[in-house]
Amino acid sequence: MNDNLFDVTDRIAIVTGGLGQIGLEFTLALLERGAKVAVFNRTIRQHIIDERIPEMYRSNEHFAAFEVDITKKTTIEAALEKIQERWGVPHILVNNAGVDTQPSAPPEVSGPFEQFPEDVFREVVNVNLTGTFLCSQVVGAAMAKAERGSIINIGSIYGMLSPVQDIYAYKERDTGIPFVKPVAYSASKSGIYNLTRYMATYWGRKGVRVNTLSPSGVFRDTQDAEFQRNYCARIPIGRMAAADEYNGAMLFLASDASTYMTGSNLVIDGGWSAW
């Protein structure tokens, strides 16, 4: 029996958006299992790092944080150069950074499809899809040269399936202003799936595996109660995910437990897509 099947000890990982809700869980899960983790965030604040990353990981030099705008290739290249100087070529890239529109968003970015702003559409696609492409291009090239690596792209059920707009209908009833789950997030996340398949086939003989991990909604205490009730009514399990419930799937994809898996979509959605 191979007891080291899920081992990531001393592997070098990059997690984009690694201080956010799910990204932080990925970061901590990798650190707790002995990986060296570099976080890419658009802004880095030391007090946030101090609050969220235990001192033991910061002091043993298994953690690093870089200010990276994933829509700008030069900032990714600069961070990768520092990572390679410090630790070496990454083994794991988790493309987690992304932007979405919450039910609390103002009407100008959450109104009908016909009036959805072009500049907002471009911004969301630029972060969610172009940013994933650029990080994969830069880091994946280094992985391919080293002939190993695992790239994990974070998708969404709203990239696989159309949003259920009925969930949000209560907003118009309560406020008089309709909320429409915007097209930009769905379109950008949908593009992730074929980007994954493309890279998986392109780098397949180079030892670089590329897969998508597709989550459903994550519970936040800032969500209003009616949204949570409506959303959970659509999930066979009957609840939203806790932020750490995607860690197992991420570690599976990052480790040798999934050495024959590439170009795939691992759906962890509480049964949402089973209806």
C-alpha atoms as a PDB file:
ATOM      1  CA  MET A   1       0.000   0.000   0.000  1.00  0.00           C
ATOM      2  CA  ASN A   2       1.291   3.468  -0.930  1.00  0.00           C
ATOM      3  CA  ASP A   3       0.780   5.641   2.136  1.00  0.00           C
ATOM      4  CA  ASN A   4       2.257   8.630   0.289  1.00  0.00           C
ATOM      5  CA  LEU A   5      -0.361   8.733  -2.449  1.00  0.00           C
ATOM      6  CA  PHE A   6      -1.621  12.206  -1.466  1.00  0.00           C
ATOM      7  CA  ASP A   7       1.746  13.492  -0.240  1.00  0.00           C
ATOM      8  CA  VAL A   8       2.748  17.019  -1.281  1.00  0.00           C
ATOM      9  CA  THR A   9       5.695  17.427   1.104  1.00  0.00           C
ATOM     10  CA  ASP A  10       8.262  19.904  -0.242  1.00  0.00           C
ATOM     11  CA  ARG A  11       6.339  20.413  -3.459  1.00  0.00           C
ATOM     12  CA  ILE A  12       6.249  23.985  -4.673  1.00  0.00           C
ATOM     13  CA  ALA A  13       2.763  25.391  -5.195  1.00  0.00           C
ATOM     14  CA  ILE A  14       1.310  28.634  -6.477  1.00  0.00           C
ATOM     15  CA  VAL A  15      -2.228  29.580  -5.453  1.00  0.00           C
ATOM     16  CA  THR A  16      -3.691  32.617  -7.179  1.00  0.00           C
ATOM     17  CA  GLY A  17      -6.128  34.528  -5.007  1.00  0.00           C
ATOM     18  CA  GLY A  18      -4.617  32.507  -2.187  1.00  0.00           C
ATOM     19  CA  LEU A  19      -5.754  34.780   0.645  1.00  0.00           C
ATOM     20  CA  GLY A  20      -9.459  34.748  -0.282  1.00  0.00           C
ATOM     21  CA  GLN A  21     -12.198  32.472   1.013  1.00  0.00           C
ATOM     22  CA  ILE A  22     -11.507  29.247  -0.903  1.00  0.00           C
ATOM     23  CA  GLY A  23      -7.978  30.230  -1.885  1.00  0.00           C
ATOM     24  CA  LEU A  24      -6.928  30.586   1.744  1.00  0.00           C
ATOM     25  CA  GLU A  25      -8.218  27.081   2.471  1.00  0.00           C
ATOM     26  CA  PHE A  26      -6.152  25.737  -0.442  1.00  0.00           C
ATOM     27  CA  THR A  27      -3.111  27.630   0.812  1.00  0.00           C
ATOM     28  CA  LEU A  28      -3.439  26.319   4.372  1.00  0.00           C
ATOM     29  CA  ALA A  29      -4.194  22.748   3.256  1.00  0.00           C
ATOM     30  CA  LEU A  30      -0.985  22.678   1.207  1.00  0.00           C
ATOM     31  CA  LEU A  31       1.089  24.292   3.957  1.00  0.00           C
ATOM     32  CA  GLU A  32      -0.253  21.882   6.573  1.00  0.00           C
ATOM     33  CA  ARG A  33       0.942  18.997   4.401  1.00  0.00           C
ATOM     34  CA  GLY A  34       4.457  20.303   3.990  1.00  0.00           C
ATOM     35  CA  ALA A  35       4.271  22.097   0.652  1.00  0.00           C
ATOM     36  CA  LYS A  36       5.981  25.399  -0.079  1.00  0.00           C
ATOM     37  CA  VAL A  37       3.282  27.830  -1.114  1.00  0.00           C
ATOM     38  CA  ALA A  38       3.470  31.093  -3.015  1.00  0.00           C
ATOM     39  CA  VAL A  39       0.327  33.197  -3.028  1.00  0.00           C
ATOM     40  CA  PHE A  40      -0.473  35.558  -5.890  1.00  0.00           C
ATOM     41  CA  ASN A  41      -2.776  38.427  -4.919  1.00  0.00           C
ATOM     42  CA  ARG A  42      -3.421  41.745  -6.619  1.00  0.00           C
ATOM     43  CA  THR A  43      -2.675  43.499  -3.333  1.00  0.00           C
ATOM     44  CA  ILE A  44      -0.697  42.169  -0.387  1.00  0.00           C
ATOM     45  CA  ARG A  45      -1.260  43.563   3.092  1.00  0.00           C
ATOM     46  CA  GLN A  46       1.034  42.323   5.837  1.00  0.00           C
ATOM     47  CA  HIS A  47      -1.661  42.535   8.512  1.00  0.00           C
ATOM     48  CA  ILE A  48      -3.887  40.238   6.412  1.00  0.00           C
ATOM     49  CA  ILE A  49      -1.055  37.732   6.054  1.00  0.00           C
ATOM     50  CA  ASP A  50      -0.421  37.903   9.798  1.00  0.00           C
ATOM     51  CA  GLU A  51      -4.111  37.291  10.497  1.00  0.00           C
ATOM     52  CA  ARG A  52      -4.575  34.412   8.063  1.00  0.00           C
ATOM     53  CA  ILE A  53      -1.253  32.581   7.770  1.00  0.00           C
ATOM     54  CA  PRO A  54       0.077  30.972  10.982  1.00  0.00           C
ATOM     55  CA  GLU A  55       3.473  32.244  12.049  1.00  0.00           C
ATOM     56  CA  MET A  56       4.974  28.737  11.959  1.00  0.00           C
ATOM     57  CA  TYR A  57       4.640  28.653   8.169  1.00  0.00           C
ATOM     58  CA  ARG A  58       5.965  32.164   7.713  1.00  0.00           C
ATOM     59  CA  SER A  59       8.976  31.518   9.936  1.00  0.00           C
ATOM     60  CA  ASN A  60       9.995  28.223   8.287  1.00  0.00           C
ATOM     61  CA  GLU A  61      10.069  29.913   4.880  1.00  0.00           C
ATOM     62  CA  HIS A  62       7.418  27.634   3.403  1.00  0.00           C
ATOM     63  CA  PHE A  63       5.219  30.605   2.549  1.00  0.00           C
ATOM     64  CA  ALA A  64       5.649  33.594   0.288  1.00  0.00           C
ATOM     65  CA  ALA A  65       3.253  36.233  -1.031  1.00  0.00           C
ATOM     66  CA  PHE A  66       3.582  38.235  -4.220  1.00  0.00           C
ATOM     67  CA  GLU A  67       1.644  41.184  -5.546  1.00  0.00           C
ATOM     68  CA  VAL A  68       0.597  39.914  -8.956  1.00  0.00           C
ATOM     69  CA  ASP A  69      -1.986  41.230 -11.383  1.00  0.00           C
ATOM     70  CA  ILE A  70      -2.797  38.033 -13.236  1.00  0.00           C
ATOM     71  CA  THR A  71      -4.031  40.034 -16.221  1.00  0.00           C
ATOM     72  CA  LYS A  72      -0.477  41.351 -16.725  1.00  0.00           C
ATOM     73  CA  LYS A  73       2.015  38.755 -17.907  1.00  0.00           C
ATOM     74  CA  THR A  74       5.074  40.703 -16.761  1.00  0.00           C
ATOM     75  CA  THR A  75       3.979  40.593 -13.103  1.00  0.00           C
ATOM     76  CA  ILE A  76       3.490  36.812 -13.309  1.00  0.00           C
ATOM     77  CA  GLU A  77       6.922  36.368 -14.890  1.00  0.00           C
ATOM     78  CA  ALA A  78       8.578  38.516 -12.222  1.00  0.00           C
ATOM     79  CA  ALA A  79       6.980  36.523  -9.391  1.00  0.00           C
ATOM     80  CA  LEU A  80       7.856  33.189 -10.986  1.00  0.00           C
ATOM     81  CA  GLU A  81      11.482  34.252 -11.331  1.00  0.00           C
ATOM     82  CA  LYS A  82      11.632  34.977  -7.591  1.00  0.00           C
ATOM     83  CA  ILE A  83       9.953  31.669  -6.746  1.00  0.00           C
ATOM     84  CA  GLN A  84      12.429  29.747  -8.875  1.00  0.00           C
ATOM     85  CA  GLU A  85      15.360  31.571  -7.288  1.00  0.00           C
ATOM     86  CA  ARG A  86      14.021  30.768  -3.829  1.00  0.00           C
ATOM     87  CA  TRP A  87      12.610  27.228  -4.216  1.00  0.00           C
ATOM     88  CA  GLY A  88      12.761  26.009  -7.796  1.00  0.00           C
ATOM     89  CA  VAL A  89      10.224  25.235 -10.510  1.00  0.00           C
ATOM     90  CA  PRO A  90       6.650  24.907  -9.178  1.00  0.00           C
ATOM     91  CA  HIS A  91       5.013  21.489  -9.081  1.00  0.00           C
ATOM     92  CA  ILE A  92       1.467  22.804  -8.564  1.00  0.00           C
ATOM     93  CA  LEU A  93      -0.482  25.771  -9.906  1.00  0.00           C
ATOM     94  CA  VAL A  94      -3.973  26.429  -8.569  1.00  0.00           C
ATOM     95  CA  ASN A  95      -5.685  29.015 -10.781  1.00  0.00           C
ATOM     96  CA  ASN A  96      -8.184  30.134  -8.169  1.00  0.00           C
ATOM     97  CA  ALA A  97      -8.304  33.941  -8.533  1.00  0.00           C
ATOM     98  CA  GLY A  98     -11.522  35.265 -10.001  1.00  0.00           C
ATOM     99  CA  VAL A  99     -14.266  37.840  -9.743  1.00  0.00           C
ATOM    100  CA  ASP A 100     -18.006  37.294  -9.442  1.00  0.00           C
ATOM    101  CA  THR A 101     -21.125  39.381  -8.867  1.00  0.00           C
ATOM    102  CA  GLN A 102     -22.861  38.877  -5.533  1.00  0.00           C
ATOM    103  CA  PRO A 103     -26.600  39.472  -4.894  1.00  0.00           C
ATOM    104  CA  SER A 104     -25.632  42.650  -3.034  1.00  0.00           C
ATOM    105  CA  ALA A 105     -24.120  44.158  -6.201  1.00  0.00           C
ATOM    106  CA  PRO A 106     -25.468  47.484  -7.506  1.00  0.00           C
ATOM    107  CA  PRO A 107     -28.050  47.358 -10.314  1.00  0.00           C
ATOM    108  CA  GLU A 108     -25.690  48.715 -12.955  1.00  0.00           C
ATOM    109  CA  VAL A 109     -23.719  45.446 -12.882  1.00  0.00           C
ATOM    110  CA  SER A 110     -26.579  43.062 -12.062  1.00  0.00           C
ATOM    111  CA  GLY A 111     -29.386  44.118 -14.353  1.00  0.00           C
ATOM    112  CA  PRO A 112     -30.863  42.477 -17.451  1.00  0.00           C
ATOM    113  CA  PHE A 113     -28.663  40.823 -20.056  1.00  0.00           C
ATOM    114  CA  GLU A 114     -29.685  43.379 -22.647  1.00  0.00           C
ATOM    115  CA  GLN A 115     -28.160  46.213 -20.604  1.00  0.00           C
ATOM    116  CA  PHE A 116     -25.136  44.409 -19.163  1.00  0.00           C
ATOM    117  CA  PRO A 117     -22.127  46.763 -19.451  1.00  0.00           C
ATOM    118  CA  GLU A 118     -19.516  45.814 -22.012  1.00  0.00           C
ATOM    119  CA  ASP A 119     -16.668  47.107 -19.844  1.00  0.00           C
ATOM    120  CA  VAL A 120     -17.734  44.898 -16.924  1.00  0.00           C
ATOM    121  CA  PHE A 121     -18.005  41.876 -19.214  1.00  0.00           C
ATOM    122  CA  ARG A 122     -14.480  42.494 -20.477  1.00  0.00           C
ATOM    123  CA  GLU A 123     -13.123  42.970 -16.950  1.00  0.00           C
ATOM    124  CA  VAL A 124     -14.588  39.705 -15.646  1.00  0.00           C
ATOM    125  CA  VAL A 125     -13.404  37.709 -18.666  1.00  0.00           C
ATOM    126  CA  ASN A 126      -9.994  39.345 -18.402  1.00  0.00           C
ATOM    127  CA  VAL A 127      -9.529  38.205 -14.801  1.00  0.00           C
ATOM    128  CA  ASN A 128     -11.280  34.836 -14.836  1.00  0.00           C
ATOM    129  CA  LEU A 129     -10.253  33.517 -18.239  1.00  0.00           C
ATOM    130  CA  THR A 130      -7.356  35.601 -19.550  1.00  0.00           C
ATOM    131  CA  GLY A 131      -5.718  35.579 -16.103  1.00  0.00           C
ATOM    132  CA  THR A 132      -5.943  31.795 -15.945  1.00  0.00           C
ATOM    133  CA  PHE A 133      -4.492  31.578 -19.456  1.00  0.00           C
ATOM    134  CA  LEU A 134      -1.562  33.885 -18.640  1.00  0.00           C
ATOM    135  CA  CYS A 135      -0.662  32.161 -15.345  1.00  0.00           C
ATOM    136  CA  SER A 136      -0.848  28.769 -17.039  1.00  0.00           C
ATOM    137  CA  GLN A 137       1.201  29.979 -19.991  1.00  0.00           C
ATOM    138  CA  VAL A 138       4.009  31.328 -17.818  1.00  0.00           C
ATOM    139  CA  VAL A 139       4.098  28.714 -15.053  1.00  0.00           C
ATOM    140  CA  GLY A 140       3.115  25.816 -17.320  1.00  0.00           C
ATOM    141  CA  ALA A 141       6.035  26.556 -19.641  1.00  0.00           C
ATOM    142  CA  ALA A 142       8.446  26.172 -16.709  1.00  0.00           C
ATOM    143  CA  MET A 143       6.694  22.969 -15.642  1.00  0.00           C
ATOM    144  CA  ALA A 144       6.888  21.542 -19.165  1.00  0.00           C
ATOM    145  CA  LYS A 145      10.602  22.281 -19.302  1.00  0.00           C
ATOM    146  CA  ALA A 146      10.985  20.377 -16.015  1.00  0.00           C
ATOM    147  CA  GLU A 147       8.687  17.652 -17.446  1.00  0.00           C
ATOM    148  CA  ARG A 148       6.293  17.545 -14.490  1.00  0.00           C
ATOM    149  CA  GLY A 149       3.513  19.520 -12.863  1.00  0.00           C
ATOM    150  CA  SER A 150      -0.185  19.771 -12.089  1.00  0.00           C
ATOM    151  CA  ILE A 151      -2.323  22.746 -13.060  1.00  0.00           C
ATOM    152  CA  ILE A 152      -5.708  22.994 -11.343  1.00  0.00           C
ATOM    153  CA  ASN A 153      -8.159  25.463 -12.850  1.00  0.00           C
ATOM    154  CA  ILE A 154     -11.089  26.450 -10.655  1.00  0.00           C
ATOM    155  CA  GLY A 155     -14.317  26.384 -12.642  1.00  0.00           C
ATOM    156  CA  SER A 156     -17.900  26.721 -11.423  1.00  0.00           C
ATOM    157  CA  ILE A 157     -21.258  25.058 -11.803  1.00  0.00           C
ATOM    158  CA  TYR A 158     -22.296  28.352 -13.423  1.00  0.00           C
ATOM    159  CA  GLY A 159     -19.711  27.657 -16.106  1.00  0.00           C
ATOM    160  CA  MET A 160     -21.195  24.209 -16.712  1.00  0.00           C
ATOM    161  CA  LEU A 161     -24.851  25.180 -16.432  1.00  0.00           C
ATOM    162  CA  SER A 162     -26.859  28.354 -16.759  1.00  0.00           C
ATOM    163  CA  PRO A 163     -27.581  30.207 -13.507  1.00  0.00           C
ATOM    164  CA  VAL A 164     -30.984  29.579 -11.962  1.00  0.00           C
ATOM    165  CA  GLN A 165     -32.352  33.110 -12.048  1.00  0.00           C
ATOM    166  CA  ASP A 166     -35.378  32.191  -9.872  1.00  0.00           C
ATOM    167  CA  ILE A 167     -33.034  32.037  -6.871  1.00  0.00           C
ATOM    168  CA  TYR A 168     -32.561  35.788  -7.085  1.00  0.00           C
ATOM    169  CA  ALA A 169     -36.138  36.838  -7.908  1.00  0.00           C
ATOM    170  CA  TYR A 170     -36.804  37.887  -4.304  1.00  0.00           C
ATOM    171  CA  LYS A 171     -34.472  40.858  -4.756  1.00  0.00           C
ATOM    172  CA  GLU A 172     -36.952  42.620  -7.050  1.00  0.00           C
ATOM    173  CA  ARG A 173     -39.817  41.786  -4.718  1.00  0.00           C
ATOM    174  CA  ASP A 174     -38.001  43.243  -1.719  1.00  0.00           C
ATOM    175  CA  THR A 175     -36.250  46.218  -3.317  1.00  0.00           C
ATOM    176  CA  GLY A 176     -38.085  46.876  -6.557  1.00  0.00           C
ATOM    177  CA  ILE A 177     -34.797  46.389  -8.402  1.00  0.00           C
ATOM    178  CA  PRO A 178     -34.251  43.094 -10.237  1.00  0.00           C
ATOM    179  CA  PHE A 179     -31.074  41.096  -9.753  1.00  0.00           C
ATOM    180  CA  VAL A 180     -29.984  38.992 -12.716  1.00  0.00           C
ATOM    181  CA  LYS A 181     -27.000  36.698 -12.204  1.00  0.00           C
ATOM    182  CA  PRO A 182     -24.716  38.217 -14.850  1.00  0.00           C
ATOM    183  CA  VAL A 183     -23.556  36.590 -18.049  1.00  0.00           C
ATOM    184  CA  ALA A 184     -19.880  37.518 -17.646  1.00  0.00           C
ATOM    185  CA  TYR A 185     -19.104  35.066 -14.843  1.00  0.00           C
ATOM    186  CA  SER A 186     -20.779  32.155 -16.627  1.00  0.00           C
ATOM    187  CA  ALA A 187     -19.108  32.930 -19.943  1.00  0.00           C
ATOM    188  CA  SER A 188     -15.669  33.312 -18.390  1.00  0.00           C
ATOM    189  CA  LYS A 189     -15.913  30.121 -16.348  1.00  0.00           C
ATOM    190  CA  SER A 190     -17.261  28.180 -19.309  1.00  0.00           C
ATOM    191  CA  GLY A 191     -14.107  29.062 -21.221  1.00  0.00           C
ATOM    192  CA  ILE A 192     -12.008  27.440 -18.504  1.00  0.00           C
ATOM    193  CA  TYR A 193     -13.139  23.951 -19.514  1.00  0.00           C
ATOM    194  CA  ASN A 194     -11.795  23.998 -23.049  1.00  0.00           C
ATOM    195  CA  LEU A 195      -8.695  25.901 -21.950  1.00  0.00           C
ATOM    196  CA  THR A 196      -8.090  22.974 -19.575  1.00  0.00           C
ATOM    197  CA  ARG A 197      -8.624  20.402 -22.330  1.00  0.00           C
ATOM    198  CA  TYR A 198      -6.396  22.315 -24.726  1.00  0.00           C
ATOM    199  CA  MET A 199      -3.491  22.537 -22.293  1.00  0.00           C
ATOM    200  CA  ALA A 200      -3.935  18.917 -21.198  1.00  0.00           C
ATOM    201  CA  THR A 201      -3.489  17.695 -24.760  1.00  0.00           C
ATOM    202  CA  TYR A 202      -0.797  20.232 -25.591  1.00  0.00           C
ATOM    203  CA  TRP A 203       1.409  19.342 -22.613  1.00  0.00           C
ATOM    204  CA  GLY A 204       0.340  15.717 -22.177  1.00  0.00           C
ATOM    205  CA  ARG A 205       3.673  14.305 -23.372  1.00  0.00           C
ATOM    206  CA  LYS A 206       5.581  16.828 -21.281  1.00  0.00           C
ATOM    207  CA  GLY A 207       4.385  15.458 -17.946  1.00  0.00           C
ATOM    208  CA  VAL A 208       2.137  18.428 -17.154  1.00  0.00           C
ATOM    209  CA  ARG A 209      -1.391  17.481 -16.114  1.00  0.00           C
ATOM    210  CA  VAL A 210      -4.207  20.031 -16.355  1.00  0.00           C
ATOM    211  CA  ASN A 211      -7.633  19.564 -14.773  1.00  0.00           C
ATOM    212  CA  THR A 212     -10.622  21.641 -13.718  1.00  0.00           C
ATOM    213  CA  LEU A 213     -12.175  21.589 -10.240  1.00  0.00           C
ATOM    214  CA  SER A 214     -15.783  22.810 -10.331  1.00  0.00           C
ATOM    215  CA  PRO A 215     -17.340  23.939  -7.035  1.00  0.00           C
ATOM    216  CA  SER A 216     -20.840  25.101  -6.243  1.00  0.00           C
ATOM    217  CA  GLY A 217     -21.744  27.884  -3.812  1.00  0.00           C
ATOM    218  CA  VAL A 218     -19.818  28.434  -0.597  1.00  0.00           C
ATOM    219  CA  PHE A 219     -21.488  29.601   2.586  1.00  0.00           C
ATOM    220  CA  ARG A 220     -20.679  33.101   3.790  1.00  0.00           C
ATOM    221  CA  ASP A 221     -22.173  34.671   6.895  1.00  0.00           C
ATOM    222  CA  THR A 222     -22.693  37.864   4.898  1.00  0.00           C
ATOM    223  CA  GLN A 223     -25.231  36.181   2.594  1.00  0.00           C
ATOM    224  CA  ASP A 224     -28.830  37.063   3.348  1.00  0.00           C
ATOM    225  CA  ALA A 225     -31.091  34.326   4.652  1.00  0.00           C
ATOM    226  CA  GLU A 226     -33.480  34.191   1.702  1.00  0.00           C
ATOM    227  CA  PHE A 227     -30.683  33.753  -0.799  1.00  0.00           C
ATOM    228  CA  GLN A 228     -29.309  30.884   1.288  1.00  0.00           C
ATOM    229  CA  ARG A 229     -32.728  29.206   1.537  1.00  0.00           C
ATOM    230  CA  ASN A 230     -33.350  29.492  -2.194  1.00  0.00           C
ATOM    231  CA  TYR A 231     -29.895  28.275  -3.112  1.00  0.00           C
ATOM    232  CA  CYS A 232     -29.905  25.346  -0.694  1.00  0.00           C
ATOM    233  CA  ALA A 233     -33.322  24.231  -1.953  1.00  0.00           C
ATOM    234  CA  ARG A 234     -31.608  23.487  -5.287  1.00  0.00           C
ATOM    235  CA  ILE A 235     -28.888  21.306  -3.761  1.00  0.00           C
ATOM    236  CA  PRO A 236     -29.641  17.615  -3.103  1.00  0.00           C
ATOM    237  CA  ILE A 237     -27.385  17.673  -0.021  1.00  0.00           C
ATOM    238  CA  GLY A 238     -29.472  20.619   1.198  1.00  0.00           C
ATOM    239  CA  ARG A 239     -26.734  23.063   2.152  1.00  0.00           C
ATOM    240  CA  MET A 240     -23.975  25.211   0.739  1.00  0.00           C
ATOM    241  CA  ALA A 241     -20.366  24.067   0.990  1.00  0.00           C
ATOM    242  CA  ALA A 242     -18.038  25.024   3.794  1.00  0.00           C
ATOM    243  CA  ALA A 243     -14.958  26.778   2.421  1.00  0.00           C
ATOM    244  CA  ASP A 244     -12.659  23.850   3.282  1.00  0.00           C
ATOM    245  CA  GLU A 245     -14.765  21.147   1.602  1.00  0.00           C
ATOM    246  CA  TYR A 246     -12.896  21.498  -1.695  1.00  0.00           C
ATOM    247  CA  ASN A 247      -9.500  20.807  -0.134  1.00  0.00           C
ATOM    248  CA  GLY A 248      -9.674  17.050  -0.638  1.00  0.00           C
ATOM    249  CA  ALA A 249     -10.374  17.399  -4.352  1.00  0.00           C
ATOM    250  CA  MET A 250      -7.591  19.958  -4.746  1.00  0.00           C
ATOM    251  CA  LEU A 251      -5.071  17.724  -2.945  1.00  0.00           C
ATOM    252  CA  PHE A 252      -6.139  14.761  -5.074  1.00  0.00           C
ATOM    253  CA  LEU A 253      -5.458  16.733  -8.259  1.00  0.00           C
ATOM    254  CA  ALA A 254      -2.206  18.184  -6.903  1.00  0.00           C
ATOM    255  CA  SER A 255      -0.730  14.888  -5.744  1.00  0.00           C
ATOM    256  CA  ASP A 256       0.332  11.558  -7.228  1.00  0.00           C
ATOM    257  CA  ALA A 257      -3.139  10.211  -6.433  1.00  0.00           C
ATOM    258  CA  SER A 258      -4.247  11.562  -9.831  1.00  0.00           C
ATOM    259  CA  THR A 259      -1.235  10.799 -12.035  1.00  0.00           C
ATOM    260  CA  TYR A 260      -3.388   9.362 -14.854  1.00  0.00           C
ATOM    261  CA  MET A 261      -5.941  12.169 -14.793  1.00  0.00           C
ATOM    262  CA  THR A 262      -5.705  15.098 -17.173  1.00  0.00           C
ATOM    263  CA  GLY A 263      -8.146  17.161 -19.222  1.00  0.00           C
ATOM    264  CA  SER A 264     -10.928  16.289 -16.802  1.00  0.00           C
ATOM    265  CA  ASN A 265     -13.487  18.201 -14.781  1.00  0.00           C
ATOM    266  CA  LEU A 266     -13.877  17.140 -11.153  1.00  0.00           C
ATOM    267  CA  VAL A 267     -17.305  18.356 -10.017  1.00  0.00           C
ATOM    268  CA  ILE A 268     -17.791  18.910  -6.260  1.00  0.00           C
ATOM    269  CA  ASP A 269     -21.215  20.544  -6.059  1.00  0.00           C
ATOM    270  CA  GLY A 270     -23.344  18.808  -3.424  1.00  0.00           C
ATOM    271  CA  GLY A 271     -25.324  17.215  -6.258  1.00  0.00           C
ATOM    272  CA  TRP A 272     -26.363  20.487  -7.965  1.00  0.00           C
ATOM    273  CA  SER A 273     -25.635  19.185 -11.463  1.00  0.00           C
ATOM    274  CA  ALA A 274     -27.367  15.848 -10.779  1.00  0.00           C
ATOM    275  CA  TRP A 275     -30.870  17.285 -11.203  1.00  0.00           C
END
